[in-house]
């Protein structure tokens, strides 16, 4: 997921995307705990995508408040 793609999303889409990413992160953690996780790099990508979404959500909230 590119940062430009995330910036183009609406607030509702960002919330939904964050929810989906958190569910995926939970499933990956569960797979790792049971020894079934094959693609360990996916956990890192999901974690970074969560950070991207949260960063854009925060920037949009500040923009609405009039902050920079």
PDB file of N, CA and C in Angstrom:
ATOM      1  N   UNK A   1       0.841  -1.162   0.000  1.00  0.00           N
ATOM      2  CA  UNK A   1       0.000   0.000   0.000  1.00  0.00           C
ATOM      3  C   UNK A   1       0.898   1.240   0.000  1.00  0.00           C
ATOM      4  N   UNK A   2       0.628   2.115  -0.925  1.00  0.00           N
ATOM      5  CA  UNK A   2       1.398   3.349  -1.058  1.00  0.00           C
ATOM      6  C   UNK A   2       0.760   4.449  -0.220  1.00  0.00           C
ATOM      7  N   UNK A   3       1.565   5.393   0.204  1.00  0.00           N
ATOM      8  CA  UNK A   3       1.067   6.504   1.007  1.00  0.00           C
ATOM      9  C   UNK A   3       0.076   7.347   0.208  1.00  0.00           C
ATOM     10  N   UNK A   4       0.304   7.505  -1.086  1.00  0.00           N
ATOM     11  CA  UNK A   4      -0.622   8.271  -1.917  1.00  0.00           C
ATOM     12  C   UNK A   4      -1.995   7.618  -1.971  1.00  0.00           C
ATOM     13  N   UNK A   5      -2.019   6.295  -2.007  1.00  0.00           N
ATOM     14  CA  UNK A   5      -3.292   5.567  -2.005  1.00  0.00           C
ATOM     15  C   UNK A   5      -4.039   5.816  -0.698  1.00  0.00           C
ATOM     16  N   UNK A   6      -3.311   5.840   0.393  1.00  0.00           N
ATOM     17  CA  UNK A   6      -3.933   6.042   1.699  1.00  0.00           C
ATOM     18  C   UNK A   6      -4.465   7.469   1.810  1.00  0.00           C
ATOM     19  N   UNK A   7      -3.701   8.442   1.311  1.00  0.00           N
ATOM     20  CA  UNK A   7      -4.132   9.842   1.387  1.00  0.00           C
ATOM     21  C   UNK A   7      -5.395  10.093   0.572  1.00  0.00           C
ATOM     22  N   UNK A   8      -5.634   9.295  -0.449  1.00  0.00           N
ATOM     23  CA  UNK A   8      -6.804   9.475  -1.310  1.00  0.00           C
ATOM     24  C   UNK A   8      -8.079   8.926  -0.675  1.00  0.00           C
ATOM     25  N   UNK A   9      -7.956   8.175   0.413  1.00  0.00           N
ATOM     26  CA  UNK A   9      -9.126   7.567   1.059  1.00  0.00           C
ATOM     27  C   UNK A   9      -9.866   8.579   1.923  1.00  0.00           C
ATOM     28  N   UNK A  10     -11.156   8.326   2.095  1.00  0.00           N
ATOM     29  CA  UNK A  10     -11.966   9.143   2.998  1.00  0.00           C
ATOM     30  C   UNK A  10     -11.759   8.652   4.434  1.00  0.00           C
ATOM     31  N   UNK A  11     -12.291   9.387   5.380  1.00  0.00           N
ATOM     32  CA  UNK A  11     -12.147   9.023   6.790  1.00  0.00           C
ATOM     33  C   UNK A  11     -12.790   7.665   7.080  1.00  0.00           C
ATOM     34  N   UNK A  12     -13.949   7.418   6.493  1.00  0.00           N
ATOM     35  CA  UNK A  12     -14.622   6.133   6.707  1.00  0.00           C
ATOM     36  C   UNK A  12     -13.822   4.980   6.111  1.00  0.00           C
ATOM     37  N   UNK A  13     -13.256   5.207   4.934  1.00  0.00           N
ATOM     38  CA  UNK A  13     -12.442   4.173   4.302  1.00  0.00           C
ATOM     39  C   UNK A  13     -11.193   3.891   5.131  1.00  0.00           C
ATOM     40  N   UNK A  14     -10.613   4.938   5.706  1.00  0.00           N
ATOM     41  CA  UNK A  14      -9.427   4.754   6.539  1.00  0.00           C
ATOM     42  C   UNK A  14      -9.752   3.938   7.784  1.00  0.00           C
ATOM     43  N   UNK A  15     -10.897   4.218   8.397  1.00  0.00           N
ATOM     44  CA  UNK A  15     -11.296   3.458   9.581  1.00  0.00           C
ATOM     45  C   UNK A  15     -11.501   1.987   9.250  1.00  0.00           C
ATOM     46  N   UNK A  16     -12.133   1.744   8.113  1.00  0.00           N
ATOM     47  CA  UNK A  16     -12.370   0.360   7.688  1.00  0.00           C
ATOM     48  C   UNK A  16     -11.056  -0.344   7.362  1.00  0.00           C
ATOM     49  N   UNK A  17     -10.164   0.361   6.694  1.00  0.00           N
ATOM     50  CA  UNK A  17      -8.862  -0.204   6.347  1.00  0.00           C
ATOM     51  C   UNK A  17      -8.070  -0.521   7.612  1.00  0.00           C
ATOM     52  N   UNK A  18      -8.116   0.373   8.592  1.00  0.00           N
ATOM     53  CA  UNK A  18      -7.412   0.145   9.851  1.00  0.00           C
ATOM     54  C   UNK A  18      -7.968  -1.088  10.558  1.00  0.00           C
ATOM     55  N   UNK A  19      -9.278  -1.223  10.557  1.00  0.00           N
ATOM     56  CA  UNK A  19      -9.900  -2.392  11.173  1.00  0.00           C
ATOM     57  C   UNK A  19      -9.456  -3.680  10.484  1.00  0.00           C
ATOM     58  N   UNK A  20      -9.440  -3.675   9.153  1.00  0.00           N
ATOM     59  CA  UNK A  20      -9.012  -4.858   8.405  1.00  0.00           C
ATOM     60  C   UNK A  20      -7.553  -5.198   8.666  1.00  0.00           C
ATOM     61  N   UNK A  21      -6.707  -4.171   8.731  1.00  0.00           N
ATOM     62  CA  UNK A  21      -5.290  -4.406   8.985  1.00  0.00           C
ATOM     63  C   UNK A  21      -5.059  -4.955  10.392  1.00  0.00           C
ATOM     64  N   UNK A  22      -5.818  -4.456  11.363  1.00  0.00           N
ATOM     65  CA  UNK A  22      -5.669  -4.961  12.735  1.00  0.00           C
ATOM     66  C   UNK A  22      -6.118  -6.421  12.832  1.00  0.00           C
ATOM     67  N   UNK A  23      -7.174  -6.773  12.096  1.00  0.00           N
ATOM     68  CA  UNK A  23      -7.621  -8.175  12.076  1.00  0.00           C
ATOM     69  C   UNK A  23      -6.553  -9.060  11.452  1.00  0.00           C
ATOM     70  N   UNK A  24      -5.970  -8.573  10.357  1.00  0.00           N
ATOM     71  CA  UNK A  24      -4.911  -9.342   9.703  1.00  0.00           C
ATOM     72  C   UNK A  24      -3.709  -9.495  10.629  1.00  0.00           C
ATOM     73  N   UNK A  25      -3.364  -8.430  11.343  1.00  0.00           N
ATOM     74  CA  UNK A  25      -2.245  -8.489  12.271  1.00  0.00           C
ATOM     75  C   UNK A  25      -2.516  -9.517  13.372  1.00  0.00           C
ATOM     76  N   UNK A  26      -3.733  -9.537  13.877  1.00  0.00           N
ATOM     77  CA  UNK A  26      -4.097 -10.521  14.890  1.00  0.00           C
ATOM     78  C   UNK A  26      -3.936 -11.941  14.350  1.00  0.00           C
ATOM     79  N   UNK A  27      -4.441 -12.171  13.131  1.00  0.00           N
ATOM     80  CA  UNK A  27      -4.339 -13.500  12.532  1.00  0.00           C
ATOM     81  C   UNK A  27      -2.893 -13.903  12.306  1.00  0.00           C
ATOM     82  N   UNK A  28      -2.064 -12.949  11.900  1.00  0.00           N
ATOM     83  CA  UNK A  28      -0.647 -13.262  11.694  1.00  0.00           C
ATOM     84  C   UNK A  28       0.031 -13.605  13.019  1.00  0.00           C
ATOM     85  N   UNK A  29      -0.314 -12.870  14.066  1.00  0.00           N
ATOM     86  CA  UNK A  29       0.265 -13.173  15.382  1.00  0.00           C
ATOM     87  C   UNK A  29      -0.164 -14.560  15.852  1.00  0.00           C
ATOM     88  N   UNK A  30      -1.406 -14.889  15.591  1.00  0.00           N
ATOM     89  CA  UNK A  30      -1.922 -16.195  15.987  1.00  0.00           C
ATOM     90  C   UNK A  30      -1.191 -17.294  15.218  1.00  0.00           C
ATOM     91  N   UNK A  31      -0.990 -17.086  13.923  1.00  0.00           N
ATOM     92  CA  UNK A  31      -0.261 -18.067  13.113  1.00  0.00           C
ATOM     93  C   UNK A  31       1.170 -18.227  13.605  1.00  0.00           C
ATOM     94  N   UNK A  32       1.799 -17.123  13.984  1.00  0.00           N
ATOM     95  CA  UNK A  32       3.168 -17.191  14.465  1.00  0.00           C
ATOM     96  C   UNK A  32       3.244 -17.977  15.775  1.00  0.00           C
ATOM     97  N   UNK A  33       2.282 -17.756  16.643  1.00  0.00           N
ATOM     98  CA  UNK A  33       2.272 -18.437  17.931  1.00  0.00           C
ATOM     99  C   UNK A  33       2.079 -19.936  17.774  1.00  0.00           C
ATOM    100  N   UNK A  34       1.325 -20.336  16.756  1.00  0.00           N
ATOM    101  CA  UNK A  34       1.079 -21.760  16.543  1.00  0.00           C
ATOM    102  C   UNK A  34       2.090 -22.392  15.589  1.00  0.00           C
ATOM    103  N   UNK A  35       3.016 -21.587  15.083  1.00  0.00           N
ATOM    104  CA  UNK A  35       4.056 -22.119  14.209  1.00  0.00           C
ATOM    105  C   UNK A  35       3.617 -22.316  12.779  1.00  0.00           C
ATOM    106  N   UNK A  36       2.549 -21.663  12.355  1.00  0.00           N
ATOM    107  CA  UNK A  36       2.028 -21.831  11.005  1.00  0.00           C
ATOM    108  C   UNK A  36       2.371 -20.673  10.078  1.00  0.00           C
ATOM    109  N   UNK A  37       3.014 -19.638  10.592  1.00  0.00           N
ATOM    110  CA  UNK A  37       3.319 -18.460   9.787  1.00  0.00           C
ATOM    111  C   UNK A  37       4.478 -18.767   8.848  1.00  0.00           C
ATOM    112  N   UNK A  38       4.227 -18.666   7.542  1.00  0.00           N
ATOM    113  CA  UNK A  38       5.255 -18.945   6.552  1.00  0.00           C
ATOM    114  C   UNK A  38       5.933 -17.671   6.071  1.00  0.00           C
ATOM    115  N   UNK A  39       5.141 -16.618   5.847  1.00  0.00           N
ATOM    116  CA  UNK A  39       5.682 -15.365   5.335  1.00  0.00           C
ATOM    117  C   UNK A  39       5.828 -14.386   6.495  1.00  0.00           C
ATOM    118  N   UNK A  40       6.978 -14.407   7.152  1.00  0.00           N
ATOM    119  CA  UNK A  40       7.188 -13.561   8.327  1.00  0.00           C
ATOM    120  C   UNK A  40       7.291 -12.087   7.951  1.00  0.00           C
ATOM    121  N   UNK A  41       7.660 -11.785   6.724  1.00  0.00           N
ATOM    122  CA  UNK A  41       7.777 -10.394   6.292  1.00  0.00           C
ATOM    123  C   UNK A  41       6.412  -9.728   6.197  1.00  0.00           C
ATOM    124  N   UNK A  42       5.366 -10.511   6.049  1.00  0.00           N
ATOM    125  CA  UNK A  42       4.023  -9.950   5.944  1.00  0.00           C
ATOM    126  C   UNK A  42       3.634  -9.210   7.228  1.00  0.00           C
ATOM    127  N   UNK A  43       4.076  -9.717   8.376  1.00  0.00           N
ATOM    128  CA  UNK A  43       3.768  -9.072   9.652  1.00  0.00           C
ATOM    129  C   UNK A  43       4.360  -7.665   9.689  1.00  0.00           C
ATOM    130  N   UNK A  44       5.547  -7.500   9.187  1.00  0.00           N
ATOM    131  CA  UNK A  44       6.194  -6.190   9.152  1.00  0.00           C
ATOM    132  C   UNK A  44       5.454  -5.234   8.216  1.00  0.00           C
ATOM    133  N   UNK A  45       5.036  -5.742   7.068  1.00  0.00           N
ATOM    134  CA  UNK A  45       4.305  -4.910   6.110  1.00  0.00           C
ATOM    135  C   UNK A  45       2.975  -4.448   6.687  1.00  0.00           C
ATOM    136  N   UNK A  46       2.287  -5.335   7.365  1.00  0.00           N
ATOM    137  CA  UNK A  46       1.000  -4.987   7.960  1.00  0.00           C
ATOM    138  C   UNK A  46       1.199  -3.934   9.044  1.00  0.00           C
ATOM    139  N   UNK A  47       2.226  -4.110   9.863  1.00  0.00           N
ATOM    140  CA  UNK A  47       2.499  -3.150  10.924  1.00  0.00           C
ATOM    141  C   UNK A  47       2.789  -1.759  10.357  1.00  0.00           C
ATOM    142  N   UNK A  48       3.538  -1.708   9.281  1.00  0.00           N
ATOM    143  CA  UNK A  48       3.857  -0.427   8.654  1.00  0.00           C
ATOM    144  C   UNK A  48       2.636   0.191   7.969  1.00  0.00           C
ATOM    145  N   UNK A  49       1.783  -0.646   7.392  1.00  0.00           N
ATOM    146  CA  UNK A  49       0.555  -0.128   6.783  1.00  0.00           C
ATOM    147  C   UNK A  49      -0.376   0.460   7.846  1.00  0.00           C
ATOM    148  N   UNK A  50      -0.420  -0.170   9.012  1.00  0.00           N
ATOM    149  CA  UNK A  50      -1.213   0.373  10.116  1.00  0.00           C
ATOM    150  C   UNK A  50      -0.677   1.757  10.484  1.00  0.00           C
ATOM    151  N   UNK A  51       0.622   1.887  10.554  1.00  0.00           N
ATOM    152  CA  UNK A  51       1.229   3.179  10.887  1.00  0.00           C
ATOM    153  C   UNK A  51       0.911   4.222   9.827  1.00  0.00           C
ATOM    154  N   UNK A  52       0.933   3.833   8.556  1.00  0.00           N
ATOM    155  CA  UNK A  52       0.596   4.759   7.478  1.00  0.00           C
ATOM    156  C   UNK A  52      -0.828   5.273   7.611  1.00  0.00           C
ATOM    157  N   UNK A  53      -1.742   4.351   7.839  1.00  0.00           N
ATOM    158  CA  UNK A  53      -3.150   4.722   7.943  1.00  0.00           C
ATOM    159  C   UNK A  53      -3.363   5.643   9.140  1.00  0.00           C
ATOM    160  N   UNK A  54      -2.763   5.310  10.273  1.00  0.00           N
ATOM    161  CA  UNK A  54      -2.930   6.135  11.461  1.00  0.00           C
ATOM    162  C   UNK A  54      -2.317   7.520  11.272  1.00  0.00           C
ATOM    163  N   UNK A  55      -1.207   7.602  10.570  1.00  0.00           N
ATOM    164  CA  UNK A  55      -0.560   8.882  10.307  1.00  0.00           C
ATOM    165  C   UNK A  55      -1.444   9.767   9.442  1.00  0.00           C
ATOM    166  N   UNK A  56      -2.026   9.190   8.401  1.00  0.00           N
ATOM    167  CA  UNK A  56      -2.899   9.961   7.514  1.00  0.00           C
ATOM    168  C   UNK A  56      -4.168  10.372   8.246  1.00  0.00           C
ATOM    169  N   UNK A  57      -4.710   9.482   9.075  1.00  0.00           N
ATOM    170  CA  UNK A  57      -5.899   9.834   9.851  1.00  0.00           C
ATOM    171  C   UNK A  57      -5.608  11.013  10.772  1.00  0.00           C
ATOM    172  N   UNK A  58      -4.454  11.001  11.394  1.00  0.00           N
ATOM    173  CA  UNK A  58      -4.061  12.082  12.304  1.00  0.00           C
ATOM    174  C   UNK A  58      -3.872  13.389  11.533  1.00  0.00           C
ATOM    175  N   UNK A  59      -3.245  13.307  10.352  1.00  0.00           N
ATOM    176  CA  UNK A  59      -3.022  14.503   9.540  1.00  0.00           C
ATOM    177  C   UNK A  59      -4.347  15.094   9.080  1.00  0.00           C
ATOM    178  N   UNK A  60      -5.285  14.252   8.681  1.00  0.00           N
ATOM    179  CA  UNK A  60      -6.589  14.745   8.249  1.00  0.00           C
ATOM    180  C   UNK A  60      -7.346  15.374   9.418  1.00  0.00           C
ATOM    181  N   UNK A  61      -7.234  14.800  10.606  1.00  0.00           N
ATOM    182  CA  UNK A  61      -7.911  15.355  11.770  1.00  0.00           C
ATOM    183  C   UNK A  61      -7.326  16.716  12.121  1.00  0.00           C
ATOM    184  N   UNK A  62      -6.016  16.853  12.041  1.00  0.00           N
ATOM    185  CA  UNK A  62      -5.378  18.142  12.320  1.00  0.00           C
ATOM    186  C   UNK A  62      -5.748  19.180  11.277  1.00  0.00           C
ATOM    187  N   UNK A  63      -5.878  18.743  10.034  1.00  0.00           N
ATOM    188  CA  UNK A  63      -6.234  19.653   8.966  1.00  0.00           C
ATOM    189  C   UNK A  63      -7.647  20.195   9.169  1.00  0.00           C
ATOM    190  N   UNK A  64      -8.543  19.341   9.642  1.00  0.00           N
ATOM    191  CA  UNK A  64      -9.925  19.759   9.897  1.00  0.00           C
ATOM    192  C   UNK A  64      -9.995  20.755  11.051  1.00  0.00           C
ATOM    193  N   UNK A  65      -9.099  20.592  12.020  1.00  0.00           N
ATOM    194  CA  UNK A  65      -9.075  21.493  13.159  1.00  0.00           C
ATOM    195  C   UNK A  65      -8.431  22.830  12.796  1.00  0.00           C
ATOM    196  N   UNK A  66      -7.755  22.887  11.679  1.00  0.00           N
ATOM    197  CA  UNK A  66      -7.099  24.114  11.277  1.00  0.00           C
ATOM    198  C   UNK A  66      -5.633  24.149  11.654  1.00  0.00           C
ATOM    199  N   UNK A  67      -5.135  23.052  12.196  1.00  0.00           N
ATOM    200  CA  UNK A  67      -3.715  22.966  12.555  1.00  0.00           C
ATOM    201  C   UNK A  67      -2.923  22.519  11.341  1.00  0.00           C
ATOM    202  N   UNK A  68      -1.636  22.707  11.404  1.00  0.00           N
ATOM    203  CA  UNK A  68      -0.794  22.287  10.292  1.00  0.00           C
ATOM    204  C   UNK A  68       0.041  21.124  10.648  1.00  0.00           C
TER     205      UNK A  68
END
